[in-house]
Amino acid sequence: MRLCLLLNDDYTPYWKWLATEFRKLPDIEELDRNLVGLTTNSDLWVQAGHVKAICRDMFMRLAAKGLIHEDPDADEHCLSVANRDLRRLMNDKGLPAESWSISAVVPGARRLPDNLSK
């Protein structure tokens, strides 16, 4: 909520006004529904869906303000940094780093395209 206020050059001087001021922002209804759904539902799968929708909404808001690139793959991804550091560590130890990736070390991590993992 605070990030949305900040993106709209608005603020709330008193924390109790946060929800009220947030709901006055333009084009906020869907985000508000997802925030409410996240806090009122105990089903983890439903909560995960709300978190995904909130992240997508915030991504679009940040991109619309020009604060991040509209293409999610254009900015350096944290896994690419970890992959690069892992390769450097493997090289320092004399191991064949080109055969390693963060996905080999972190179960469930997706392998990044080569242009992002170096």
PDB file of N, CA and C in Angstrom:
ATOM      1  N   MET A   1       0.828  -1.189   0.000  1.00  0.00           N
ATOM      2  CA  MET A   1       0.000   0.000   0.000  1.00  0.00           C
ATOM      3  C   MET A   1       0.872   1.252   0.000  1.00  0.00           C
ATOM      4  N   ARG A   2       1.925   1.234   0.820  1.00  0.00           N
ATOM      5  CA  ARG A   2       2.804   2.408   0.878  1.00  0.00           C
ATOM      6  C   ARG A   2       3.504   2.646  -0.453  1.00  0.00           C
ATOM      7  N   LEU A   3       3.904   1.566  -1.115  1.00  0.00           N
ATOM      8  CA  LEU A   3       4.566   1.710  -2.411  1.00  0.00           C
ATOM      9  C   LEU A   3       3.618   2.338  -3.430  1.00  0.00           C
ATOM     10  N   CYS A   4       2.372   1.936  -3.422  1.00  0.00           N
ATOM     11  CA  CYS A   4       1.398   2.535  -4.346  1.00  0.00           C
ATOM     12  C   CYS A   4       1.215   4.020  -4.056  1.00  0.00           C
ATOM     13  N   LEU A   5       1.161   4.392  -2.787  1.00  0.00           N
ATOM     14  CA  LEU A   5       1.060   5.807  -2.442  1.00  0.00           C
ATOM     15  C   LEU A   5       2.293   6.557  -2.933  1.00  0.00           C
ATOM     16  N   LEU A   6       3.455   5.977  -2.724  1.00  0.00           N
ATOM     17  CA  LEU A   6       4.695   6.603  -3.169  1.00  0.00           C
ATOM     18  C   LEU A   6       4.722   6.777  -4.684  1.00  0.00           C
ATOM     19  N   LEU A   7       4.283   5.765  -5.413  1.00  0.00           N
ATOM     20  CA  LEU A   7       4.260   5.841  -6.872  1.00  0.00           C
ATOM     21  C   LEU A   7       3.298   6.917  -7.380  1.00  0.00           C
ATOM     22  N   ASN A   8       2.323   7.258  -6.563  1.00  0.00           N
ATOM     23  CA  ASN A   8       1.348   8.285  -6.937  1.00  0.00           C
ATOM     24  C   ASN A   8       1.648   9.623  -6.270  1.00  0.00           C
ATOM     25  N   ASP A   9       2.882   9.791  -5.805  1.00  0.00           N
ATOM     26  CA  ASP A   9       3.297  11.037  -5.152  1.00  0.00           C
ATOM     27  C   ASP A   9       2.361  11.432  -4.020  1.00  0.00           C
ATOM     28  N   ASP A  10       1.987  10.460  -3.241  1.00  0.00           N
ATOM     29  CA  ASP A  10       1.081  10.679  -2.122  1.00  0.00           C
ATOM     30  C   ASP A  10       1.700  10.019  -0.890  1.00  0.00           C
ATOM     31  N   TYR A  11       1.208  10.335   0.258  1.00  0.00           N
ATOM     32  CA  TYR A  11       1.686   9.726   1.483  1.00  0.00           C
ATOM     33  C   TYR A  11       0.602   9.836   2.536  1.00  0.00           C
ATOM     34  N   THR A  12       0.800   9.107   3.599  1.00  0.00           N
ATOM     35  CA  THR A  12      -0.108   9.213   4.722  1.00  0.00           C
ATOM     36  C   THR A  12       0.718   9.552   5.956  1.00  0.00           C
ATOM     37  N   PRO A  13       0.450  10.685   6.576  1.00  0.00           N
ATOM     38  CA  PRO A  13       1.275  11.097   7.718  1.00  0.00           C
ATOM     39  C   PRO A  13       1.024  10.256   8.969  1.00  0.00           C
ATOM     40  N   TYR A  14      -0.066   9.538   8.999  1.00  0.00           N
ATOM     41  CA  TYR A  14      -0.413   8.762  10.175  1.00  0.00           C
ATOM     42  C   TYR A  14      -0.760   7.354   9.718  1.00  0.00           C
ATOM     43  N   TRP A  15      -0.157   6.331  10.315  1.00  0.00           N
ATOM     44  CA  TRP A  15      -0.299   4.964   9.829  1.00  0.00           C
ATOM     45  C   TRP A  15      -1.745   4.478   9.802  1.00  0.00           C
ATOM     46  N   LYS A  16      -2.592   4.986  10.649  1.00  0.00           N
ATOM     47  CA  LYS A  16      -3.985   4.539  10.678  1.00  0.00           C
ATOM     48  C   LYS A  16      -4.757   4.974   9.437  1.00  0.00           C
ATOM     49  N   TRP A  17      -4.231   5.923   8.707  1.00  0.00           N
ATOM     50  CA  TRP A  17      -4.902   6.410   7.500  1.00  0.00           C
ATOM     51  C   TRP A  17      -4.472   5.648   6.252  1.00  0.00           C
ATOM     52  N   LEU A  18      -3.533   4.724   6.391  1.00  0.00           N
ATOM     53  CA  LEU A  18      -2.947   4.062   5.232  1.00  0.00           C
ATOM     54  C   LEU A  18      -4.001   3.410   4.329  1.00  0.00           C
ATOM     55  N   ALA A  19      -4.842   2.559   4.879  1.00  0.00           N
ATOM     56  CA  ALA A  19      -5.841   1.855   4.059  1.00  0.00           C
ATOM     57  C   ALA A  19      -6.821   2.832   3.410  1.00  0.00           C
ATOM     58  N   THR A  20      -7.228   3.847   4.152  1.00  0.00           N
ATOM     59  CA  THR A  20      -8.181   4.821   3.612  1.00  0.00           C
ATOM     60  C   THR A  20      -7.572   5.595   2.452  1.00  0.00           C
ATOM     61  N   GLU A  21      -6.353   6.072   2.631  1.00  0.00           N
ATOM     62  CA  GLU A  21      -5.687   6.825   1.563  1.00  0.00           C
ATOM     63  C   GLU A  21      -5.364   5.928   0.378  1.00  0.00           C
ATOM     64  N   PHE A  22      -4.974   4.683   0.656  1.00  0.00           N
ATOM     65  CA  PHE A  22      -4.678   3.722  -0.407  1.00  0.00           C
ATOM     66  C   PHE A  22      -5.901   3.515  -1.293  1.00  0.00           C
ATOM     67  N   ARG A  23      -7.054   3.350  -0.684  1.00  0.00           N
ATOM     68  CA  ARG A  23      -8.279   3.083  -1.449  1.00  0.00           C
ATOM     69  C   ARG A  23      -8.775   4.289  -2.241  1.00  0.00           C
ATOM     70  N   LYS A  24      -8.226   5.452  -1.983  1.00  0.00           N
ATOM     71  CA  LYS A  24      -8.575   6.653  -2.757  1.00  0.00           C
ATOM     72  C   LYS A  24      -7.775   6.753  -4.062  1.00  0.00           C
ATOM     73  N   LEU A  25      -6.726   5.941  -4.198  1.00  0.00           N
ATOM     74  CA  LEU A  25      -5.876   6.004  -5.389  1.00  0.00           C
ATOM     75  C   LEU A  25      -6.637   5.529  -6.625  1.00  0.00           C
ATOM     76  N   PRO A  26      -6.268   6.044  -7.790  1.00  0.00           N
ATOM     77  CA  PRO A  26      -6.926   5.597  -9.023  1.00  0.00           C
ATOM     78  C   PRO A  26      -6.485   4.189  -9.406  1.00  0.00           C
ATOM     79  N   ASP A  27      -7.389   3.424  -9.993  1.00  0.00           N
ATOM     80  CA  ASP A  27      -7.083   2.106 -10.544  1.00  0.00           C
ATOM     81  C   ASP A  27      -6.468   1.170  -9.508  1.00  0.00           C
ATOM     82  N   ILE A  28      -7.102   1.084  -8.331  1.00  0.00           N
ATOM     83  CA  ILE A  28      -6.536   0.296  -7.248  1.00  0.00           C
ATOM     84  C   ILE A  28      -7.446  -0.862  -6.817  1.00  0.00           C
ATOM     85  N   GLU A  29      -8.630  -0.955  -7.419  1.00  0.00           N
ATOM     86  CA  GLU A  29      -9.631  -1.914  -6.948  1.00  0.00           C
ATOM     87  C   GLU A  29      -9.145  -3.363  -7.006  1.00  0.00           C
ATOM     88  N   GLU A  30      -8.543  -3.769  -8.118  1.00  0.00           N
ATOM     89  CA  GLU A  30      -8.099  -5.158  -8.253  1.00  0.00           C
ATOM     90  C   GLU A  30      -6.988  -5.477  -7.253  1.00  0.00           C
ATOM     91  N   LEU A  31      -6.055  -4.562  -7.098  1.00  0.00           N
ATOM     92  CA  LEU A  31      -4.980  -4.765  -6.130  1.00  0.00           C
ATOM     93  C   LEU A  31      -5.555  -4.850  -4.722  1.00  0.00           C
ATOM     94  N   ASP A  32      -6.502  -4.007  -4.407  1.00  0.00           N
ATOM     95  CA  ASP A  32      -7.141  -4.040  -3.091  1.00  0.00           C
ATOM     96  C   ASP A  32      -7.853  -5.372  -2.860  1.00  0.00           C
ATOM     97  N   ARG A  33      -8.556  -5.870  -3.875  1.00  0.00           N
ATOM     98  CA  ARG A  33      -9.234  -7.171  -3.747  1.00  0.00           C
ATOM     99  C   ARG A  33      -8.229  -8.292  -3.467  1.00  0.00           C
ATOM    100  N   ASN A  34      -7.081  -8.245  -4.154  1.00  0.00           N
ATOM    101  CA  ASN A  34      -6.066  -9.275  -3.931  1.00  0.00           C
ATOM    102  C   ASN A  34      -5.424  -9.163  -2.553  1.00  0.00           C
ATOM    103  N   LEU A  35      -5.210  -7.951  -2.074  1.00  0.00           N
ATOM    104  CA  LEU A  35      -4.662  -7.778  -0.725  1.00  0.00           C
ATOM    105  C   LEU A  35      -5.640  -8.286   0.328  1.00  0.00           C
ATOM    106  N   VAL A  36      -6.907  -7.955   0.159  1.00  0.00           N
ATOM    107  CA  VAL A  36      -7.930  -8.444   1.089  1.00  0.00           C
ATOM    108  C   VAL A  36      -8.027  -9.963   1.001  1.00  0.00           C
ATOM    109  N   GLY A  37      -8.047 -10.506  -0.225  1.00  0.00           N
ATOM    110  CA  GLY A  37      -8.115 -11.955  -0.401  1.00  0.00           C
ATOM    111  C   GLY A  37      -6.935 -12.671   0.222  1.00  0.00           C
ATOM    112  N   LEU A  38      -5.770 -12.079   0.135  1.00  0.00           N
ATOM    113  CA  LEU A  38      -4.569 -12.671   0.722  1.00  0.00           C
ATOM    114  C   LEU A  38      -4.682 -12.769   2.238  1.00  0.00           C
ATOM    115  N   THR A  39      -5.233 -11.742   2.849  1.00  0.00           N
ATOM    116  CA  THR A  39      -5.293 -11.712   4.315  1.00  0.00           C
ATOM    117  C   THR A  39      -6.514 -12.416   4.896  1.00  0.00           C
ATOM    118  N   THR A  40      -7.517 -12.708   4.078  1.00  0.00           N
ATOM    119  CA  THR A  40      -8.737 -13.310   4.623  1.00  0.00           C
ATOM    120  C   THR A  40      -8.909 -14.776   4.254  1.00  0.00           C
ATOM    121  N   ASN A  41      -8.029 -15.315   3.435  1.00  0.00           N
ATOM    122  CA  ASN A  41      -8.160 -16.705   3.008  1.00  0.00           C
ATOM    123  C   ASN A  41      -7.052 -17.538   3.632  1.00  0.00           C
ATOM    124  N   SER A  42      -7.390 -18.726   4.121  1.00  0.00           N
ATOM    125  CA  SER A  42      -6.382 -19.579   4.756  1.00  0.00           C
ATOM    126  C   SER A  42      -5.849 -20.667   3.819  1.00  0.00           C
ATOM    127  N   ASP A  43      -6.432 -20.813   2.635  1.00  0.00           N
ATOM    128  CA  ASP A  43      -5.957 -21.801   1.669  1.00  0.00           C
ATOM    129  C   ASP A  43      -4.657 -21.300   1.035  1.00  0.00           C
ATOM    130  N   LEU A  44      -3.577 -22.065   1.202  1.00  0.00           N
ATOM    131  CA  LEU A  44      -2.267 -21.633   0.714  1.00  0.00           C
ATOM    132  C   LEU A  44      -2.232 -21.454  -0.804  1.00  0.00           C
ATOM    133  N   TRP A  45      -2.968 -22.275  -1.543  1.00  0.00           N
ATOM    134  CA  TRP A  45      -2.967 -22.153  -3.004  1.00  0.00           C
ATOM    135  C   TRP A  45      -3.680 -20.881  -3.442  1.00  0.00           C
ATOM    136  N   VAL A  46      -4.739 -20.561  -2.744  1.00  0.00           N
ATOM    137  CA  VAL A  46      -5.455 -19.312  -3.043  1.00  0.00           C
ATOM    138  C   VAL A  46      -4.574 -18.122  -2.674  1.00  0.00           C
ATOM    139  N   GLN A  47      -3.908 -18.197  -1.520  1.00  0.00           N
ATOM    140  CA  GLN A  47      -2.998 -17.129  -1.112  1.00  0.00           C
ATOM    141  C   GLN A  47      -1.882 -16.957  -2.136  1.00  0.00           C
ATOM    142  N   ALA A  48      -1.333 -18.068  -2.628  1.00  0.00           N
ATOM    143  CA  ALA A  48      -0.269 -18.004  -3.635  1.00  0.00           C
ATOM    144  C   ALA A  48      -0.759 -17.304  -4.902  1.00  0.00           C
ATOM    145  N   GLY A  49      -1.999 -17.561  -5.283  1.00  0.00           N
ATOM    146  CA  GLY A  49      -2.581 -16.885  -6.441  1.00  0.00           C
ATOM    147  C   GLY A  49      -2.696 -15.385  -6.221  1.00  0.00           C
ATOM    148  N   HIS A  50      -3.075 -15.000  -5.009  1.00  0.00           N
ATOM    149  CA  HIS A  50      -3.167 -13.572  -4.683  1.00  0.00           C
ATOM    150  C   HIS A  50      -1.780 -12.923  -4.701  1.00  0.00           C
ATOM    151  N   VAL A  51      -0.781 -13.611  -4.146  1.00  0.00           N
ATOM    152  CA  VAL A  51       0.580 -13.063  -4.141  1.00  0.00           C
ATOM    153  C   VAL A  51       1.072 -12.871  -5.575  1.00  0.00           C
ATOM    154  N   LYS A  52       0.813 -13.852  -6.428  1.00  0.00           N
ATOM    155  CA  LYS A  52       1.226 -13.745  -7.831  1.00  0.00           C
ATOM    156  C   LYS A  52       0.541 -12.555  -8.514  1.00  0.00           C
ATOM    157  N   ALA A  53      -0.738 -12.387  -8.263  1.00  0.00           N
ATOM    158  CA  ALA A  53      -1.479 -11.268  -8.856  1.00  0.00           C
ATOM    159  C   ALA A  53      -0.967  -9.927  -8.324  1.00  0.00           C
ATOM    160  N   ILE A  54      -0.656  -9.864  -7.035  1.00  0.00           N
ATOM    161  CA  ILE A  54      -0.126  -8.627  -6.436  1.00  0.00           C
ATOM    162  C   ILE A  54       1.231  -8.294  -7.049  1.00  0.00           C
ATOM    163  N   CYS A  55       2.094  -9.296  -7.183  1.00  0.00           N
ATOM    164  CA  CYS A  55       3.419  -9.073  -7.780  1.00  0.00           C
ATOM    165  C   CYS A  55       3.300  -8.603  -9.224  1.00  0.00           C
ATOM    166  N   ARG A  56       2.399  -9.230  -9.980  1.00  0.00           N
ATOM    167  CA  ARG A  56       2.204  -8.830 -11.383  1.00  0.00           C
ATOM    168  C   ARG A  56       1.691  -7.396 -11.464  1.00  0.00           C
ATOM    169  N   ASP A  57       0.766  -7.049 -10.599  1.00  0.00           N
ATOM    170  CA  ASP A  57       0.212  -5.693 -10.573  1.00  0.00           C
ATOM    171  C   ASP A  57       1.299  -4.679 -10.229  1.00  0.00           C
ATOM    172  N   MET A  58       2.080  -4.967  -9.207  1.00  0.00           N
ATOM    173  CA  MET A  58       3.136  -4.034  -8.804  1.00  0.00           C
ATOM    174  C   MET A  58       4.209  -3.920  -9.890  1.00  0.00           C
ATOM    175  N   PHE A  59       4.514  -5.025 -10.546  1.00  0.00           N
ATOM    176  CA  PHE A  59       5.476  -4.994 -11.645  1.00  0.00           C
ATOM    177  C   PHE A  59       4.987  -4.037 -12.732  1.00  0.00           C
ATOM    178  N   MET A  60       3.722  -4.146 -13.089  1.00  0.00           N
ATOM    179  CA  MET A  60       3.158  -3.288 -14.131  1.00  0.00           C
ATOM    180  C   MET A  60       3.154  -1.815 -13.693  1.00  0.00           C
ATOM    181  N   ARG A  61       2.882  -1.559 -12.439  1.00  0.00           N
ATOM    182  CA  ARG A  61       2.892  -0.176 -11.934  1.00  0.00           C
ATOM    183  C   ARG A  61       4.303   0.410 -11.976  1.00  0.00           C
ATOM    184  N   LEU A  62       5.292  -0.372 -11.563  1.00  0.00           N
ATOM    185  CA  LEU A  62       6.682   0.089 -11.602  1.00  0.00           C
ATOM    186  C   LEU A  62       7.149   0.308 -13.037  1.00  0.00           C
ATOM    187  N   ALA A  63       6.761  -0.596 -13.932  1.00  0.00           N
ATOM    188  CA  ALA A  63       7.134  -0.461 -15.339  1.00  0.00           C
ATOM    189  C   ALA A  63       6.463   0.760 -15.957  1.00  0.00           C
ATOM    190  N   ALA A  64       5.203   1.020 -15.596  1.00  0.00           N
ATOM    191  CA  ALA A  64       4.489   2.176 -16.131  1.00  0.00           C
ATOM    192  C   ALA A  64       5.149   3.493 -15.718  1.00  0.00           C
ATOM    193  N   LYS A  65       5.764   3.502 -14.554  1.00  0.00           N
ATOM    194  CA  LYS A  65       6.467   4.702 -14.084  1.00  0.00           C
ATOM    195  C   LYS A  65       7.886   4.785 -14.639  1.00  0.00           C
ATOM    196  N   GLY A  66       8.307   3.749 -15.375  1.00  0.00           N
ATOM    197  CA  GLY A  66       9.657   3.748 -15.944  1.00  0.00           C
ATOM    198  C   GLY A  66      10.738   3.406 -14.940  1.00  0.00           C
ATOM    199  N   LEU A  67      10.356   2.823 -13.809  1.00  0.00           N
ATOM    200  CA  LEU A  67      11.331   2.495 -12.778  1.00  0.00           C
ATOM    201  C   LEU A  67      12.001   1.144 -13.015  1.00  0.00           C
ATOM    202  N   ILE A  68      11.363   0.296 -13.787  1.00  0.00           N
ATOM    203  CA  ILE A  68      11.953  -0.979 -14.187  1.00  0.00           C
ATOM    204  C   ILE A  68      11.636  -1.192 -15.656  1.00  0.00           C
ATOM    205  N   HIS A  69      12.348  -2.092 -16.263  1.00  0.00           N
ATOM    206  CA  HIS A  69      12.128  -2.398 -17.681  1.00  0.00           C
ATOM    207  C   HIS A  69      10.836  -3.189 -17.821  1.00  0.00           C
ATOM    208  N   GLU A  70      10.100  -2.944 -18.884  1.00  0.00           N
ATOM    209  CA  GLU A  70       8.826  -3.647 -19.102  1.00  0.00           C
ATOM    210  C   GLU A  70       9.023  -5.130 -19.371  1.00  0.00           C
ATOM    211  N   ASP A  71      10.204  -5.509 -19.873  1.00  0.00           N
ATOM    212  CA  ASP A  71      10.521  -6.912 -20.130  1.00  0.00           C
ATOM    213  C   ASP A  71      11.149  -7.494 -18.866  1.00  0.00           C
ATOM    214  N   PRO A  72      10.480  -8.453 -18.198  1.00  0.00           N
ATOM    215  CA  PRO A  72      11.014  -8.976 -16.933  1.00  0.00           C
ATOM    216  C   PRO A  72      12.386  -9.630 -17.077  1.00  0.00           C
ATOM    217  N   ASP A  73      12.760 -10.043 -18.281  1.00  0.00           N
ATOM    218  CA  ASP A  73      14.064 -10.675 -18.475  1.00  0.00           C
ATOM    219  C   ASP A  73      15.155  -9.668 -18.803  1.00  0.00           C
ATOM    220  N   ALA A  74      14.819  -8.391 -18.936  1.00  0.00           N
ATOM    221  CA  ALA A  74      15.810  -7.394 -19.334  1.00  0.00           C
ATOM    222  C   ALA A  74      16.708  -6.981 -18.173  1.00  0.00           C
ATOM    223  N   ASP A  75      16.155  -6.918 -16.966  1.00  0.00           N
ATOM    224  CA  ASP A  75      16.964  -6.566 -15.803  1.00  0.00           C
ATOM    225  C   ASP A  75      17.682  -7.807 -15.295  1.00  0.00           C
ATOM    226  N   GLU A  76      18.857  -7.615 -14.727  1.00  0.00           N
ATOM    227  CA  GLU A  76      19.627  -8.748 -14.239  1.00  0.00           C
ATOM    228  C   GLU A  76      18.873  -9.429 -13.113  1.00  0.00           C
ATOM    229  N   HIS A  77      18.693 -10.705 -13.234  1.00  0.00           N
ATOM    230  CA  HIS A  77      17.947 -11.515 -12.291  1.00  0.00           C
ATOM    231  C   HIS A  77      18.873 -11.976 -11.174  1.00  0.00           C
ATOM    232  N   CYS A  78      18.348 -12.104  -9.972  1.00  0.00           N
ATOM    233  CA  CYS A  78      19.185 -12.505  -8.842  1.00  0.00           C
ATOM    234  C   CYS A  78      19.842 -13.865  -9.084  1.00  0.00           C
ATOM    235  N   LEU A  79      19.144 -14.773  -9.789  1.00  0.00           N
ATOM    236  CA  LEU A  79      19.759 -16.064 -10.071  1.00  0.00           C
ATOM    237  C   LEU A  79      20.934 -15.930 -11.024  1.00  0.00           C
ATOM    238  N   SER A  80      20.896 -14.940 -11.926  1.00  0.00           N
ATOM    239  CA  SER A  80      22.027 -14.760 -12.826  1.00  0.00           C
ATOM    240  C   SER A  80      23.251 -14.290 -12.054  1.00  0.00           C
ATOM    241  N   VAL A  81      23.031 -13.454 -11.035  1.00  0.00           N
ATOM    242  CA  VAL A  81      24.146 -13.004 -10.193  1.00  0.00           C
ATOM    243  C   VAL A  81      24.691 -14.187  -9.411  1.00  0.00           C
ATOM    244  N   ALA A  82      23.805 -14.983  -8.829  1.00  0.00           N
ATOM    245  CA  ALA A  82      24.244 -16.156  -8.083  1.00  0.00           C
ATOM    246  C   ALA A  82      24.962 -17.137  -8.997  1.00  0.00           C
ATOM    247  N   ASN A  83      24.448 -17.322 -10.203  1.00  0.00           N
ATOM    248  CA  ASN A  83      25.069 -18.221 -11.173  1.00  0.00           C
ATOM    249  C   ASN A  83      26.477 -17.737 -11.513  1.00  0.00           C
ATOM    250  N   ARG A  84      26.625 -16.435 -11.747  1.00  0.00           N
ATOM    251  CA  ARG A  84      27.933 -15.856 -12.075  1.00  0.00           C
ATOM    252  C   ARG A  84      28.900 -16.059 -10.915  1.00  0.00           C
ATOM    253  N   ASP A  85      28.438 -15.797  -9.689  1.00  0.00           N
ATOM    254  CA  ASP A  85      29.300 -15.974  -8.521  1.00  0.00           C
ATOM    255  C   ASP A  85      29.665 -17.436  -8.317  1.00  0.00           C
ATOM    256  N   LEU A  86      28.723 -18.325  -8.569  1.00  0.00           N
ATOM    257  CA  LEU A  86      28.999 -19.752  -8.450  1.00  0.00           C
ATOM    258  C   LEU A  86      30.061 -20.170  -9.468  1.00  0.00           C
ATOM    259  N   ARG A  87      29.938 -19.689 -10.698  1.00  0.00           N
ATOM    260  CA  ARG A  87      30.943 -20.016 -11.720  1.00  0.00           C
ATOM    261  C   ARG A  87      32.324 -19.502 -11.312  1.00  0.00           C
ATOM    262  N   ARG A  88      32.379 -18.302 -10.765  1.00  0.00           N
ATOM    263  CA  ARG A  88      33.654 -17.730 -10.327  1.00  0.00           C
ATOM    264  C   ARG A  88      34.257 -18.584  -9.212  1.00  0.00           C
ATOM    265  N   LEU A  89      33.427 -18.989  -8.255  1.00  0.00           N
ATOM    266  CA  LEU A  89      33.885 -19.834  -7.156  1.00  0.00           C
ATOM    267  C   LEU A  89      34.411 -21.169  -7.672  1.00  0.00           C
ATOM    268  N   MET A  90      33.680 -21.755  -8.613  1.00  0.00           N
ATOM    269  CA  MET A  90      34.107 -23.039  -9.174  1.00  0.00           C
ATOM    270  C   MET A  90      35.446 -22.884  -9.898  1.00  0.00           C
ATOM    271  N   ASN A  91      35.613 -21.808 -10.642  1.00  0.00           N
ATOM    272  CA  ASN A  91      36.883 -21.550 -11.327  1.00  0.00           C
ATOM    273  C   ASN A  91      38.016 -21.389 -10.327  1.00  0.00           C
ATOM    274  N   ASP A  92      37.756 -20.649  -9.237  1.00  0.00           N
ATOM    275  CA  ASP A  92      38.782 -20.438  -8.211  1.00  0.00           C
ATOM    276  C   ASP A  92      39.235 -21.757  -7.592  1.00  0.00           C
ATOM    277  N   LYS A  93      38.332 -22.719  -7.509  1.00  0.00           N
ATOM    278  CA  LYS A  93      38.659 -24.009  -6.914  1.00  0.00           C
ATOM    279  C   LYS A  93      39.182 -25.006  -7.951  1.00  0.00           C
ATOM    280  N   GLY A  94      39.290 -24.560  -9.212  1.00  0.00           N
ATOM    281  CA  GLY A  94      39.812 -25.427 -10.262  1.00  0.00           C
ATOM    282  C   GLY A  94      38.825 -26.467 -10.755  1.00  0.00           C
ATOM    283  N   LEU A  95      37.554 -26.255 -10.502  1.00  0.00           N
ATOM    284  CA  LEU A  95      36.524 -27.192 -10.949  1.00  0.00           C
ATOM    285  C   LEU A  95      35.920 -26.694 -12.260  1.00  0.00           C
ATOM    286  N   PRO A  96      35.393 -27.583 -13.077  1.00  0.00           N
ATOM    287  CA  PRO A  96      34.827 -27.163 -14.375  1.00  0.00           C
ATOM    288  C   PRO A  96      33.534 -26.373 -14.191  1.00  0.00           C
ATOM    289  N   ALA A  97      33.662 -25.079 -14.025  1.00  0.00           N
ATOM    290  CA  ALA A  97      32.513 -24.222 -13.727  1.00  0.00           C
ATOM    291  C   ALA A  97      31.495 -24.181 -14.855  1.00  0.00           C
ATOM    292  N   GLU A  98      31.926 -24.383 -16.091  1.00  0.00           N
ATOM    293  CA  GLU A  98      30.975 -24.277 -17.201  1.00  0.00           C
ATOM    294  C   GLU A  98      29.898 -25.353 -17.142  1.00  0.00           C
ATOM    295  N   SER A  99      30.126 -26.403 -16.386  1.00  0.00           N
ATOM    296  CA  SER A  99      29.117 -27.458 -16.287  1.00  0.00           C
ATOM    297  C   SER A  99      28.165 -27.239 -15.113  1.00  0.00           C
ATOM    298  N   TRP A 100      28.416 -26.200 -14.317  1.00  0.00           N
ATOM    299  CA  TRP A 100      27.597 -25.945 -13.139  1.00  0.00           C
ATOM    300  C   TRP A 100      26.660 -24.772 -13.368  1.00  0.00           C
ATOM    301  N   SER A 101      25.575 -24.795 -12.656  1.00  0.00           N
ATOM    302  CA  SER A 101      24.656 -23.655 -12.651  1.00  0.00           C
ATOM    303  C   SER A 101      23.973 -23.626 -11.302  1.00  0.00           C
ATOM    304  N   ILE A 102      23.328 -22.541 -11.003  1.00  0.00           N
ATOM    305  CA  ILE A 102      22.621 -22.417  -9.734  1.00  0.00           C
ATOM    306  C   ILE A 102      21.536 -23.481  -9.606  1.00  0.00           C
ATOM    307  N   SER A 103      20.973 -23.920 -10.737  1.00  0.00           N
ATOM    308  CA  SER A 103      19.914 -24.926 -10.676  1.00  0.00           C
ATOM    309  C   SER A 103      20.448 -26.264 -10.194  1.00  0.00           C
ATOM    310  N   ALA A 104      21.751 -26.499 -10.334  1.00  0.00           N
ATOM    311  CA  ALA A 104      22.332 -27.735  -9.825  1.00  0.00           C
ATOM    312  C   ALA A 104      22.512 -27.679  -8.317  1.00  0.00           C
ATOM    313  N   VAL A 105      22.591 -26.482  -7.763  1.00  0.00           N
ATOM    314  CA  VAL A 105      22.835 -26.309  -6.342  1.00  0.00           C
ATOM    315  C   VAL A 105      21.545 -26.035  -5.574  1.00  0.00           C
ATOM    316  N   VAL A 106      20.653 -25.266  -6.173  1.00  0.00           N
ATOM    317  CA  VAL A 106      19.395 -24.910  -5.527  1.00  0.00           C
ATOM    318  C   VAL A 106      18.276 -25.719  -6.165  1.00  0.00           C
ATOM    319  N   PRO A 107      17.735 -26.718  -5.448  1.00  0.00           N
ATOM    320  CA  PRO A 107      16.662 -27.528  -6.026  1.00  0.00           C
ATOM    321  C   PRO A 107      15.469 -26.661  -6.421  1.00  0.00           C
ATOM    322  N   GLY A 108      14.962 -26.890  -7.599  1.00  0.00           N
ATOM    323  CA  GLY A 108      13.794 -26.167  -8.074  1.00  0.00           C
ATOM    324  C   GLY A 108      14.106 -24.865  -8.787  1.00  0.00           C
ATOM    325  N   ALA A 109      15.361 -24.407  -8.739  1.00  0.00           N
ATOM    326  CA  ALA A 109      15.717 -23.174  -9.449  1.00  0.00           C
ATOM    327  C   ALA A 109      15.755 -23.463 -10.938  1.00  0.00           C
ATOM    328  N   ARG A 110      15.237 -22.543 -11.719  1.00  0.00           N
ATOM    329  CA  ARG A 110      15.240 -22.765 -13.157  1.00  0.00           C
ATOM    330  C   ARG A 110      16.579 -22.348 -13.739  1.00  0.00           C
ATOM    331  N   ARG A 111      16.981 -23.021 -14.779  1.00  0.00           N
ATOM    332  CA  ARG A 111      18.235 -22.676 -15.448  1.00  0.00           C
ATOM    333  C   ARG A 111      17.980 -21.431 -16.293  1.00  0.00           C
ATOM    334  N   LEU A 112      18.872 -20.485 -16.195  1.00  0.00           N
ATOM    335  CA  LEU A 112      18.739 -19.238 -16.935  1.00  0.00           C
ATOM    336  C   LEU A 112      19.355 -19.359 -18.313  1.00  0.00           C
ATOM    337  N   PRO A 113      18.890 -18.589 -19.254  1.00  0.00           N
ATOM    338  CA  PRO A 113      19.532 -18.566 -20.567  1.00  0.00           C
ATOM    339  C   PRO A 113      20.990 -18.132 -20.405  1.00  0.00           C
ATOM    340  N   ASP A 114      21.847 -18.628 -21.279  1.00  0.00           N
ATOM    341  CA  ASP A 114      23.283 -18.355 -21.166  1.00  0.00           C
ATOM    342  C   ASP A 114      23.606 -16.867 -21.144  1.00  0.00           C
ATOM    343  N   ASN A 115      22.853 -16.055 -21.880  1.00  0.00           N
ATOM    344  CA  ASN A 115      23.152 -14.625 -21.895  1.00  0.00           C
ATOM    345  C   ASN A 115      22.860 -13.948 -20.569  1.00  0.00           C
ATOM    346  N   LEU A 116      22.079 -14.589 -19.698  1.00  0.00           N
ATOM    347  CA  LEU A 116      21.794 -14.023 -18.388  1.00  0.00           C
ATOM    348  C   LEU A 116      22.630 -14.636 -17.286  1.00  0.00           C
ATOM    349  N   SER A 117      23.241 -15.771 -17.552  1.00  0.00           N
ATOM    350  CA  SER A 117      23.917 -16.484 -16.476  1.00  0.00           C
ATOM    351  C   SER A 117      25.420 -16.253 -16.446  1.00  0.00           C
ATOM    352  N   LYS A 118      25.946 -15.378 -17.273  1.00  0.00           N
ATOM    353  CA  LYS A 118      27.395 -15.137 -17.262  1.00  0.00           C
ATOM    354  C   LYS A 118      27.732 -13.828 -16.628  1.00  0.00           C
TER     355      LYS A 118
END
